[in-house]
Amino acid sequence: GGAIRLEDLFGDELLQDGVAALALPCVYAPPGRANEIMA
């Protein structure tokens, strides 16, 4: 549909491990506070 493919985002391998990353699930919360509550 004119969008780029996931592979179009690929680059050179990044060997470091982004240990600081946090995966947040979806929840409902008051506007502006979803990330705060999940964290």
Full PDB file with SEQRES, HELIX, SHEET, SSBOND, CRYST1, ORIGX, SCALE, CONECT and MASTER records, all heavy atoms in Angstrom:
SEQRES   1 A   39  GLY GLY ALA ILE ARG LEU GLU ASP LEU PHE GLY ASP GLU          
SEQRES   2 A   39  LEU LEU GLN ASP GLY VAL ALA ALA LEU ALA LEU PRO CYS          
SEQRES   3 A   39  VAL TYR ALA PRO PRO GLY ARG ALA ASN GLU ILE MET ALA          
HELIX    1 AA1 LEU A    6  LEU A    9  5                                   4    
HELIX    2 AA2 ALA A   34  MET A   38  1                                   5    
CRYST1    1.000    1.000    1.000  90.00  90.00  90.00 P 1           1          
ORIGX1      1.000000  0.000000  0.000000        0.00000                         
ORIGX2      0.000000  1.000000  0.000000        0.00000                         
ORIGX3      0.000000  0.000000  1.000000        0.00000                         
SCALE1      1.000000  0.000000  0.000000        0.00000                         
SCALE2      0.000000  1.000000  0.000000        0.00000                         
SCALE3      0.000000  0.000000  1.000000        0.00000                         
ATOM      1  N   GLY A   1       0.803  -1.218   0.000  1.00  0.00           N  
ATOM      2  CA  GLY A   1       0.000   0.000   0.000  1.00  0.00           C  
ATOM      3  C   GLY A   1       0.833   1.263   0.000  1.00  0.00           C  
ATOM      4  O   GLY A   1       0.378   2.324   0.455  1.00  0.00           O  
ATOM      5  N   GLY A   2       2.053   1.182  -0.497  1.00  0.00           N  
ATOM      6  CA  GLY A   2       2.921   2.351  -0.548  1.00  0.00           C  
ATOM      7  C   GLY A   2       3.764   2.543   0.696  1.00  0.00           C  
ATOM      8  O   GLY A   2       4.627   3.429   0.728  1.00  0.00           O  
ATOM      9  N   ALA A   3       3.539   1.716   1.711  1.00  0.00           N  
ATOM     10  CA  ALA A   3       4.341   1.829   2.941  1.00  0.00           C  
ATOM     11  C   ALA A   3       5.663   1.095   2.769  1.00  0.00           C  
ATOM     12  O   ALA A   3       5.789   0.198   1.926  1.00  0.00           O  
ATOM     13  CB  ALA A   3       3.569   1.242   4.121  1.00  0.00           C  
ATOM     14  N   ILE A   4       6.638   1.440   3.567  1.00  0.00           N  
ATOM     15  CA  ILE A   4       7.912   0.742   3.507  1.00  0.00           C  
ATOM     16  C   ILE A   4       7.789  -0.606   4.211  1.00  0.00           C  
ATOM     17  O   ILE A   4       6.922  -0.802   5.053  1.00  0.00           O  
ATOM     18  CB  ILE A   4       9.047   1.565   4.158  1.00  0.00           C  
ATOM     19  CG1 ILE A   4       8.777   1.775   5.654  1.00  0.00           C  
ATOM     20  CG2 ILE A   4       9.229   2.883   3.447  1.00  0.00           C  
ATOM     21  CD1 ILE A   4       9.928   2.404   6.394  1.00  0.00           C  
ATOM     22  N   ARG A   5       8.644  -1.551   3.828  1.00  0.00           N  
ATOM     23  CA  ARG A   5       8.658  -2.856   4.479  1.00  0.00           C  
ATOM     24  C   ARG A   5       9.577  -2.808   5.689  1.00  0.00           C  
ATOM     25  O   ARG A   5      10.456  -1.951   5.785  1.00  0.00           O  
ATOM     26  CB  ARG A   5       9.135  -3.938   3.503  1.00  0.00           C  
ATOM     27  CG  ARG A   5       8.195  -4.181   2.331  1.00  0.00           C  
ATOM     28  CD  ARG A   5       8.791  -5.150   1.332  1.00  0.00           C  
ATOM     29  NE  ARG A   5       9.059  -6.450   1.947  1.00  0.00           N  
ATOM     30  CZ  ARG A   5      10.273  -7.014   1.993  1.00  0.00           C  
ATOM     31  NH1 ARG A   5      11.322  -6.385   1.472  1.00  0.00           N  
ATOM     32  NH2 ARG A   5      10.446  -8.197   2.538  1.00  0.00           N  
ATOM     33  N   LEU A   6       9.378  -3.727   6.612  1.00  0.00           N  
ATOM     34  CA  LEU A   6      10.234  -3.798   7.785  1.00  0.00           C  
ATOM     35  C   LEU A   6      11.695  -3.897   7.383  1.00  0.00           C  
ATOM     36  O   LEU A   6      12.565  -3.240   7.973  1.00  0.00           O  
ATOM     37  CB  LEU A   6       9.848  -5.015   8.636  1.00  0.00           C  
ATOM     38  CG  LEU A   6      10.626  -5.207   9.945  1.00  0.00           C  
ATOM     39  CD1 LEU A   6      10.306  -4.089  10.932  1.00  0.00           C  
ATOM     40  CD2 LEU A   6      10.322  -6.570  10.561  1.00  0.00           C  
ATOM     41  N   GLU A   7      11.983  -4.686   6.343  1.00  0.00           N  
ATOM     42  CA  GLU A   7      13.362  -4.862   5.894  1.00  0.00           C  
ATOM     43  C   GLU A   7      13.983  -3.565   5.383  1.00  0.00           C  
ATOM     44  O   GLU A   7      15.204  -3.424   5.359  1.00  0.00           O  
ATOM     45  CB  GLU A   7      13.441  -5.930   4.803  1.00  0.00           C  
ATOM     46  CG  GLU A   7      13.358  -7.359   5.319  1.00  0.00           C  
ATOM     47  CD  GLU A   7      11.939  -7.813   5.604  1.00  0.00           C  
ATOM     48  OE1 GLU A   7      11.000  -6.990   5.492  1.00  0.00           O  
ATOM     49  OE2 GLU A   7      11.762  -9.002   5.944  1.00  0.00           O  
ATOM     50  N   ASP A   8      13.142  -2.619   4.953  1.00  0.00           N  
ATOM     51  CA  ASP A   8      13.663  -1.339   4.494  1.00  0.00           C  
ATOM     52  C   ASP A   8      14.290  -0.542   5.635  1.00  0.00           C  
ATOM     53  O   ASP A   8      15.037   0.418   5.388  1.00  0.00           O  
ATOM     54  CB  ASP A   8      12.552  -0.504   3.846  1.00  0.00           C  
ATOM     55  CG  ASP A   8      12.041  -1.120   2.551  1.00  0.00           C  
ATOM     56  OD1 ASP A   8      12.825  -1.824   1.883  1.00  0.00           O  
ATOM     57  OD2 ASP A   8      10.852  -0.926   2.229  1.00  0.00           O  
ATOM     58  N   LEU A   9      13.978  -0.926   6.862  1.00  0.00           N  
ATOM     59  CA  LEU A   9      14.547  -0.261   8.025  1.00  0.00           C  
ATOM     60  C   LEU A   9      15.892  -0.859   8.434  1.00  0.00           C  
ATOM     61  O   LEU A   9      16.588  -0.294   9.263  1.00  0.00           O  
ATOM     62  CB  LEU A   9      13.588  -0.357   9.216  1.00  0.00           C  
ATOM     63  CG  LEU A   9      12.221   0.316   9.076  1.00  0.00           C  
ATOM     64  CD1 LEU A   9      11.361  -0.011  10.283  1.00  0.00           C  
ATOM     65  CD2 LEU A   9      12.378   1.823   8.934  1.00  0.00           C  
ATOM     66  N   PHE A  10      16.233  -2.023   7.857  1.00  0.00           N  
ATOM     67  CA  PHE A  10      17.453  -2.716   8.262  1.00  0.00           C  
ATOM     68  C   PHE A  10      18.695  -1.905   7.891  1.00  0.00           C  
ATOM     69  O   PHE A  10      18.728  -1.193   6.891  1.00  0.00           O  
ATOM     70  CB  PHE A  10      17.552  -4.087   7.590  1.00  0.00           C  
ATOM     71  CG  PHE A  10      16.638  -5.128   8.179  1.00  0.00           C  
ATOM     72  CD1 PHE A  10      15.637  -4.788   9.082  1.00  0.00           C  
ATOM     73  CD2 PHE A  10      16.766  -6.462   7.821  1.00  0.00           C  
ATOM     74  CE1 PHE A  10      14.789  -5.755   9.620  1.00  0.00           C  
ATOM     75  CE2 PHE A  10      15.926  -7.432   8.348  1.00  0.00           C  
ATOM     76  CZ  PHE A  10      14.937  -7.081   9.251  1.00  0.00           C  
ATOM     77  N   GLY A  11      19.716  -2.040   8.728  1.00  0.00           N  
ATOM     78  CA  GLY A  11      21.001  -1.417   8.459  1.00  0.00           C  
ATOM     79  C   GLY A  11      22.112  -2.378   8.830  1.00  0.00           C  
ATOM     80  O   GLY A  11      21.919  -3.595   8.821  1.00  0.00           O  
ATOM     81  N   ASP A  12      23.265  -1.846   9.165  1.00  0.00           N  
ATOM     82  CA  ASP A  12      24.360  -2.687   9.632  1.00  0.00           C  
ATOM     83  C   ASP A  12      24.008  -3.254  11.004  1.00  0.00           C  
ATOM     84  O   ASP A  12      23.296  -2.616  11.785  1.00  0.00           O  
ATOM     85  CB  ASP A  12      25.660  -1.875   9.727  1.00  0.00           C  
ATOM     86  CG  ASP A  12      26.136  -1.398   8.363  1.00  0.00           C  
ATOM     87  OD1 ASP A  12      25.822  -2.070   7.359  1.00  0.00           O  
ATOM     88  OD2 ASP A  12      26.797  -0.339   8.313  1.00  0.00           O  
ATOM     89  N   GLU A  13      24.508  -4.437  11.302  1.00  0.00           N  
ATOM     90  CA  GLU A  13      24.193  -5.070  12.583  1.00  0.00           C  
ATOM     91  C   GLU A  13      24.683  -4.215  13.750  1.00  0.00           C  
ATOM     92  O   GLU A  13      25.814  -3.753  13.753  1.00  0.00           O  
ATOM     93  CB  GLU A  13      24.813  -6.464  12.666  1.00  0.00           C  
ATOM     94  CG  GLU A  13      24.145  -7.481  11.766  1.00  0.00           C  
ATOM     95  CD  GLU A  13      24.535  -8.913  12.115  1.00  0.00           C  
ATOM     96  OE1 GLU A  13      25.232  -9.112  13.130  1.00  0.00           O  
ATOM     97  OE2 GLU A  13      24.128  -9.830  11.379  1.00  0.00           O  
ATOM     98  N   LEU A  14      23.797  -4.031  14.709  1.00  0.00           N  
ATOM     99  CA  LEU A  14      24.145  -3.342  15.941  1.00  0.00           C  
ATOM    100  C   LEU A  14      24.388  -4.415  16.992  1.00  0.00           C  
ATOM    101  O   LEU A  14      23.478  -5.169  17.343  1.00  0.00           O  
ATOM    102  CB  LEU A  14      23.001  -2.420  16.384  1.00  0.00           C  
ATOM    103  CG  LEU A  14      23.251  -1.578  17.631  1.00  0.00           C  
ATOM    104  CD1 LEU A  14      24.372  -0.572  17.385  1.00  0.00           C  
ATOM    105  CD2 LEU A  14      21.978  -0.842  18.042  1.00  0.00           C  
ATOM    106  N   LEU A  15      25.611  -4.508  17.473  1.00  0.00           N  
ATOM    107  CA  LEU A  15      25.979  -5.607  18.356  1.00  0.00           C  
ATOM    108  C   LEU A  15      25.699  -5.331  19.817  1.00  0.00           C  
ATOM    109  O   LEU A  15      25.599  -6.246  20.617  1.00  0.00           O  
ATOM    110  CB  LEU A  15      27.477  -5.934  18.191  1.00  0.00           C  
ATOM    111  CG  LEU A  15      27.909  -6.287  16.769  1.00  0.00           C  
ATOM    112  CD1 LEU A  15      29.374  -6.678  16.751  1.00  0.00           C  
ATOM    113  CD2 LEU A  15      27.047  -7.428  16.214  1.00  0.00           C  
ATOM    114  N   GLN A  16      25.544  -4.057  20.180  1.00  0.00           N  
ATOM    115  CA  GLN A  16      25.291  -3.755  21.583  1.00  0.00           C  
ATOM    116  C   GLN A  16      23.885  -4.183  21.958  1.00  0.00           C  
ATOM    117  O   GLN A  16      23.000  -4.305  21.124  1.00  0.00           O  
ATOM    118  CB  GLN A  16      25.472  -2.259  21.854  1.00  0.00           C  
ATOM    119  CG  GLN A  16      24.358  -1.385  21.257  1.00  0.00           C  
ATOM    120  CD  GLN A  16      24.604   0.072  21.519  1.00  0.00           C  
ATOM    121  OE1 GLN A  16      25.718   0.549  21.420  1.00  0.00           O  
ATOM    122  NE2 GLN A  16      23.566   0.797  21.850  1.00  0.00           N  
ATOM    123  N   ASP A  17      23.685  -4.426  23.238  1.00  0.00           N  
ATOM    124  CA  ASP A  17      22.392  -4.850  23.740  1.00  0.00           C  
ATOM    125  C   ASP A  17      21.752  -3.703  24.498  1.00  0.00           C  
ATOM    126  O   ASP A  17      22.271  -3.264  25.516  1.00  0.00           O  
ATOM    127  CB  ASP A  17      22.572  -6.060  24.669  1.00  0.00           C  
ATOM    128  CG  ASP A  17      21.255  -6.600  25.196  1.00  0.00           C  
ATOM    129  OD1 ASP A  17      20.220  -6.230  24.611  1.00  0.00           O  
ATOM    130  OD2 ASP A  17      21.264  -7.352  26.169  1.00  0.00           O  
ATOM    131  N   GLY A  18      20.646  -3.191  23.971  1.00  0.00           N  
ATOM    132  CA  GLY A  18      19.986  -2.058  24.608  1.00  0.00           C  
ATOM    133  C   GLY A  18      19.274  -2.441  25.885  1.00  0.00           C  
ATOM    134  O   GLY A  18      18.057  -2.511  25.930  1.00  0.00           O  
ATOM    135  N   VAL A  19      20.041  -2.711  26.925  1.00  0.00           N  
ATOM    136  CA  VAL A  19      19.469  -3.226  28.167  1.00  0.00           C  
ATOM    137  C   VAL A  19      18.546  -2.241  28.858  1.00  0.00           C  
ATOM    138  O   VAL A  19      17.782  -2.623  29.738  1.00  0.00           O  
ATOM    139  CB  VAL A  19      20.580  -3.648  29.150  1.00  0.00           C  
ATOM    140  CG1 VAL A  19      21.373  -4.808  28.589  1.00  0.00           C  
ATOM    141  CG2 VAL A  19      21.510  -2.470  29.447  1.00  0.00           C  
ATOM    142  N   ALA A  20      18.616  -0.967  28.475  1.00  0.00           N  
ATOM    143  CA  ALA A  20      17.773   0.014  29.149  1.00  0.00           C  
ATOM    144  C   ALA A  20      16.353   0.029  28.614  1.00  0.00           C  
ATOM    145  O   ALA A  20      15.483   0.663  29.178  1.00  0.00           O  
ATOM    146  CB  ALA A  20      18.382   1.410  29.002  1.00  0.00           C  
ATOM    147  N   ALA A  21      16.111  -0.662  27.508  1.00  0.00           N  
ATOM    148  CA  ALA A  21      14.793  -0.619  26.881  1.00  0.00           C  
ATOM    149  C   ALA A  21      13.765  -1.328  27.727  1.00  0.00           C  
ATOM    150  O   ALA A  21      14.036  -2.326  28.374  1.00  0.00           O  
ATOM    151  CB  ALA A  21      14.843  -1.265  25.499  1.00  0.00           C  
ATOM    152  N   LEU A  22      12.557  -0.798  27.711  1.00  0.00           N  
ATOM    153  CA  LEU A  22      11.450  -1.390  28.451  1.00  0.00           C  
ATOM    154  C   LEU A  22      10.283  -1.556  27.509  1.00  0.00           C  
ATOM    155  O   LEU A  22       9.900  -0.621  26.818  1.00  0.00           O  
ATOM    156  CB  LEU A  22      11.035  -0.482  29.619  1.00  0.00           C  
ATOM    157  CG  LEU A  22       9.759  -0.890  30.361  1.00  0.00           C  
ATOM    158  CD1 LEU A  22       9.998  -2.203  31.102  1.00  0.00           C  
ATOM    159  CD2 LEU A  22       9.320   0.199  31.326  1.00  0.00           C  
ATOM    160  N   ALA A  23       9.714  -2.736  27.455  1.00  0.00           N  
ATOM    161  CA  ALA A  23       8.549  -2.981  26.617  1.00  0.00           C  
ATOM    162  C   ALA A  23       7.301  -2.753  27.438  1.00  0.00           C  
ATOM    163  O   ALA A  23       7.119  -3.369  28.486  1.00  0.00           O  
ATOM    164  CB  ALA A  23       8.568  -4.414  26.095  1.00  0.00           C  
ATOM    165  N   LEU A  24       6.459  -1.869  26.972  1.00  0.00           N  
ATOM    166  CA  LEU A  24       5.254  -1.531  27.715  1.00  0.00           C  
ATOM    167  C   LEU A  24       4.022  -2.132  27.057  1.00  0.00           C  
ATOM    168  O   LEU A  24       3.764  -1.908  25.891  1.00  0.00           O  
ATOM    169  CB  LEU A  24       5.088  -0.001  27.770  1.00  0.00           C  
ATOM    170  CG  LEU A  24       6.221   0.767  28.434  1.00  0.00           C  
ATOM    171  CD1 LEU A  24       5.943   2.259  28.335  1.00  0.00           C  
ATOM    172  CD2 LEU A  24       6.365   0.350  29.881  1.00  0.00           C  
ATOM    173  N   PRO A  25       3.201  -2.886  27.803  1.00  0.00           N  
ATOM    174  CA  PRO A  25       1.952  -3.406  27.256  1.00  0.00           C  
ATOM    175  C   PRO A  25       0.914  -2.309  27.211  1.00  0.00           C  
ATOM    176  O   PRO A  25       1.100  -1.242  27.798  1.00  0.00           O  
ATOM    177  CB  PRO A  25       1.559  -4.492  28.272  1.00  0.00           C  
ATOM    178  CG  PRO A  25       2.106  -3.964  29.559  1.00  0.00           C  
ATOM    179  CD  PRO A  25       3.408  -3.286  29.189  1.00  0.00           C  
ATOM    180  N   CYS A  26      -0.164  -2.564  26.539  1.00  0.00           N  
ATOM    181  CA  CYS A  26      -1.220  -1.558  26.425  1.00  0.00           C  
ATOM    182  C   CYS A  26      -2.172  -1.644  27.609  1.00  0.00           C  
ATOM    183  O   CYS A  26      -2.656  -2.717  27.945  1.00  0.00           O  
ATOM    184  CB  CYS A  26      -1.990  -1.769  25.124  1.00  0.00           C  
ATOM    185  SG  CYS A  26      -3.458  -0.728  25.021  1.00  0.00           S  
ATOM    186  N   VAL A  27      -2.449  -0.514  28.226  1.00  0.00           N  
ATOM    187  CA  VAL A  27      -3.488  -0.446  29.250  1.00  0.00           C  
ATOM    188  C   VAL A  27      -4.208   0.880  29.075  1.00  0.00           C  
ATOM    189  O   VAL A  27      -3.692   1.801  28.459  1.00  0.00           O  
ATOM    190  CB  VAL A  27      -2.918  -0.508  30.688  1.00  0.00           C  
ATOM    191  CG1 VAL A  27      -2.198  -1.803  30.929  1.00  0.00           C  
ATOM    192  CG2 VAL A  27      -2.028   0.679  30.985  1.00  0.00           C  
ATOM    193  N   TYR A  28      -5.392   0.991  29.628  1.00  0.00           N  
ATOM    194  CA  TYR A  28      -6.091   2.262  29.616  1.00  0.00           C  
ATOM    195  C   TYR A  28      -5.759   3.013  30.887  1.00  0.00           C  
ATOM    196  O   TYR A  28      -5.686   2.440  31.972  1.00  0.00           O  
ATOM    197  CB  TYR A  28      -7.600   2.064  29.501  1.00  0.00           C  
ATOM    198  CG  TYR A  28      -8.057   1.931  28.086  1.00  0.00           C  
ATOM    199  CD1 TYR A  28      -8.422   0.699  27.576  1.00  0.00           C  
ATOM    200  CD2 TYR A  28      -8.088   3.038  27.243  1.00  0.00           C  
ATOM    201  CE1 TYR A  28      -8.821   0.568  26.266  1.00  0.00           C  
ATOM    202  CE2 TYR A  28      -8.479   2.911  25.928  1.00  0.00           C  
ATOM    203  CZ  TYR A  28      -8.851   1.679  25.445  1.00  0.00           C  
ATOM    204  OH  TYR A  28      -9.241   1.548  24.139  1.00  0.00           O  
ATOM    205  N   ALA A  29      -5.549   4.293  30.784  1.00  0.00           N  
ATOM    206  CA  ALA A  29      -5.215   5.126  31.927  1.00  0.00           C  
ATOM    207  C   ALA A  29      -5.627   6.543  31.582  1.00  0.00           C  
ATOM    208  O   ALA A  29      -5.881   6.864  30.415  1.00  0.00           O  
ATOM    209  CB  ALA A  29      -3.729   5.053  32.222  1.00  0.00           C  
ATOM    210  N   PRO A  30      -5.713   7.419  32.575  1.00  0.00           N  
ATOM    211  CA  PRO A  30      -6.043   8.813  32.280  1.00  0.00           C  
ATOM    212  C   PRO A  30      -5.068   9.392  31.275  1.00  0.00           C  
ATOM    213  O   PRO A  30      -3.890   9.033  31.282  1.00  0.00           O  
ATOM    214  CB  PRO A  30      -5.900   9.487  33.664  1.00  0.00           C  
ATOM    215  CG  PRO A  30      -6.116   8.395  34.644  1.00  0.00           C  
ATOM    216  CD  PRO A  30      -5.521   7.164  33.997  1.00  0.00           C  
ATOM    217  N   PRO A  31      -5.516  10.267  30.397  1.00  0.00           N  
ATOM    218  CA  PRO A  31      -4.630  10.856  29.383  1.00  0.00           C  
ATOM    219  C   PRO A  31      -3.349  11.389  30.004  1.00  0.00           C  
ATOM    220  O   PRO A  31      -3.352  12.073  31.015  1.00  0.00           O  
ATOM    221  CB  PRO A  31      -5.494  11.982  28.799  1.00  0.00           C  
ATOM    222  CG  PRO A  31      -6.892  11.510  28.989  1.00  0.00           C  
ATOM    223  CD  PRO A  31      -6.881  10.780  30.308  1.00  0.00           C  
ATOM    224  N   GLY A  32      -2.226  11.039  29.361  1.00  0.00           N  
ATOM    225  CA  GLY A  32      -0.944  11.527  29.811  1.00  0.00           C  
ATOM    226  C   GLY A  32      -0.302  10.735  30.930  1.00  0.00           C  
ATOM    227  O   GLY A  32       0.805  11.030  31.346  1.00  0.00           O  
ATOM    228  N   ARG A  33      -0.985   9.691  31.427  1.00  0.00           N  
ATOM    229  CA  ARG A  33      -0.435   8.959  32.570  1.00  0.00           C  
ATOM    230  C   ARG A  33      -0.236   7.478  32.290  1.00  0.00           C  
ATOM    231  O   ARG A  33       0.176   6.735  33.178  1.00  0.00           O  
ATOM    232  CB  ARG A  33      -1.349   9.110  33.790  1.00  0.00           C  
ATOM    233  CG  ARG A  33      -1.464  10.528  34.303  1.00  0.00           C  
ATOM    234  CD  ARG A  33      -1.900  10.543  35.752  1.00  0.00           C  
ATOM    235  NE  ARG A  33      -0.874   9.970  36.613  1.00  0.00           N  
ATOM    236  CZ  ARG A  33      -1.149   9.404  37.792  1.00  0.00           C  
ATOM    237  NH1 ARG A  33      -2.389   9.307  38.211  1.00  0.00           N  
ATOM    238  NH2 ARG A  33      -0.168   8.911  38.532  1.00  0.00           N  
ATOM    239  N   ALA A  34      -0.519   7.015  31.070  1.00  0.00           N  
ATOM    240  CA  ALA A  34      -0.415   5.577  30.787  1.00  0.00           C  
ATOM    241  C   ALA A  34       0.993   5.061  31.013  1.00  0.00           C  
ATOM    242  O   ALA A  34       1.205   4.074  31.714  1.00  0.00           O  
ATOM    243  CB  ALA A  34      -0.860   5.284  29.349  1.00  0.00           C  
ATOM    244  N   ASN A  35       1.998   5.740  30.430  1.00  0.00           N  
ATOM    245  CA  ASN A  35       3.377   5.287  30.608  1.00  0.00           C  
ATOM    246  C   ASN A  35       3.813   5.371  32.064  1.00  0.00           C  
ATOM    247  O   ASN A  35       4.519   4.508  32.573  1.00  0.00           O  
ATOM    248  CB  ASN A  35       4.321   6.132  29.749  1.00  0.00           C  
ATOM    249  CG  ASN A  35       4.301   5.696  28.303  1.00  0.00           C  
ATOM    250  OD1 ASN A  35       3.712   4.687  27.964  1.00  0.00           O  
ATOM    251  ND2 ASN A  35       4.942   6.468  27.447  1.00  0.00           N  
ATOM    252  N   GLU A  36       3.377   6.436  32.739  1.00  0.00           N  
ATOM    253  CA  GLU A  36       3.738   6.618  34.145  1.00  0.00           C  
ATOM    254  C   GLU A  36       3.209   5.464  34.995  1.00  0.00           C  
ATOM    255  O   GLU A  36       3.933   4.881  35.811  1.00  0.00           O  
ATOM    256  CB  GLU A  36       3.157   7.942  34.629  1.00  0.00           C  
ATOM    257  CG  GLU A  36       3.396   8.236  36.100  1.00  0.00           C  
ATOM    258  CD  GLU A  36       2.699   9.516  36.515  1.00  0.00           C  
ATOM    259  OE1 GLU A  36       2.456  10.385  35.661  1.00  0.00           O  
ATOM    260  OE2 GLU A  36       2.408   9.642  37.719  1.00  0.00           O  
ATOM    261  N   ILE A  37       1.939   5.111  34.777  1.00  0.00           N  
ATOM    262  CA  ILE A  37       1.324   4.042  35.557  1.00  0.00           C  
ATOM    263  C   ILE A  37       1.950   2.704  35.243  1.00  0.00           C  
ATOM    264  O   ILE A  37       2.241   1.897  36.129  1.00  0.00           O  
ATOM    265  CB  ILE A  37      -0.197   4.018  35.295  1.00  0.00           C  
ATOM    266  CG1 ILE A  37      -0.842   5.268  35.927  1.00  0.00           C  
ATOM    267  CG2 ILE A  37      -0.829   2.747  35.865  1.00  0.00           C  
ATOM    268  CD1 ILE A  37      -2.288   5.443  35.594  1.00  0.00           C  
ATOM    269  N   MET A  38       2.196   2.431  33.932  1.00  0.00           N  
ATOM    270  CA  MET A  38       2.783   1.149  33.557  1.00  0.00           C  
ATOM    271  C   MET A  38       4.206   1.022  34.074  1.00  0.00           C  
ATOM    272  O   MET A  38       4.627  -0.039  34.528  1.00  0.00           O  
ATOM    273  CB  MET A  38       2.739   0.981  32.037  1.00  0.00           C  
ATOM    274  CG  MET A  38       1.341   0.725  31.510  1.00  0.00           C  
ATOM    275  SD  MET A  38       1.315   0.385  29.738  1.00  0.00           S  
ATOM    276  CE  MET A  38       1.630   1.988  29.070  1.00  0.00           C  
ATOM    277  N   ALA A  39       4.977   2.119  34.007  1.00  0.00           N  
ATOM    278  CA  ALA A  39       6.344   2.071  34.487  1.00  0.00           C  
ATOM    279  C   ALA A  39       6.372   1.817  35.989  1.00  0.00           C  
ATOM    280  O   ALA A  39       7.190   1.048  36.494  1.00  0.00           O  
ATOM    281  CB  ALA A  39       7.064   3.384  34.159  1.00  0.00           C  
TER     282      ALA A  39                                                      
MASTER        0    0    0    2    0    0    0    6  281    1    0    3          
END                                                                             
